Protein backbone atom coordinates (compact mmCIF):
# COMPACT_ATOMS: atom_id res chain seq x y z
CA UNK A 1 104.89 79.24 161.74
CA UNK A 2 102.89 76.66 163.65
CA UNK A 3 103.19 78.66 166.88
CA UNK A 4 101.92 81.82 165.16
CA UNK A 5 98.91 79.99 163.70
CA UNK A 6 98.14 78.36 167.05
CA UNK A 7 98.29 81.68 168.92
CA UNK A 8 95.99 83.26 166.30
CA UNK A 9 93.50 80.42 166.79
CA UNK A 10 93.62 80.82 170.57
CA UNK A 11 93.12 84.59 170.30
CA UNK A 12 90.18 84.08 167.94
CA UNK A 13 88.49 81.54 170.22
CA UNK A 14 89.03 83.57 173.40
CA UNK A 15 88.15 82.41 176.90
CA UNK A 16 90.32 81.14 179.74
CA UNK A 17 91.33 77.77 178.31
CA UNK A 18 91.10 76.16 174.90
CA UNK A 19 91.75 72.67 173.64
CA UNK A 20 92.79 72.64 169.99
CA UNK A 21 92.28 69.10 168.78
CA UNK A 22 93.27 69.60 165.15
CA UNK A 23 94.80 72.26 162.95
CA UNK A 24 94.71 71.85 159.21
CA UNK A 25 96.55 74.45 157.19
CA UNK A 26 96.84 74.54 153.43
CA UNK A 27 99.48 76.52 151.59
CA UNK A 28 98.67 77.59 148.10
CA UNK A 29 101.43 79.07 146.04
CA UNK A 30 103.02 81.49 148.45
CA UNK A 31 104.30 84.42 146.39
CA UNK A 32 105.28 88.00 146.92
CA UNK A 33 104.48 91.17 145.04
CA UNK A 34 106.88 93.90 144.05
CA UNK A 35 106.04 97.30 145.42
CA UNK A 36 106.74 100.12 143.00
CA UNK A 37 107.54 103.38 144.71
CA UNK A 38 108.21 106.70 143.03
CA UNK A 39 111.84 107.77 142.90
CA UNK A 40 112.39 111.48 143.30
CA UNK A 41 115.38 112.88 141.42
CA UNK A 42 116.73 116.29 142.29
CA UNK A 43 119.18 118.11 140.11
């Protein structure tokens, strides 16, 4: 996950070279949501 966050930061900054001195990430209650899809029944 760290590599993904770091590449997102580099893409956001742009330019030829970046120096990332600190990354502070905070996770807050990672959850997921159920997706309700219609179910088609044929007889």
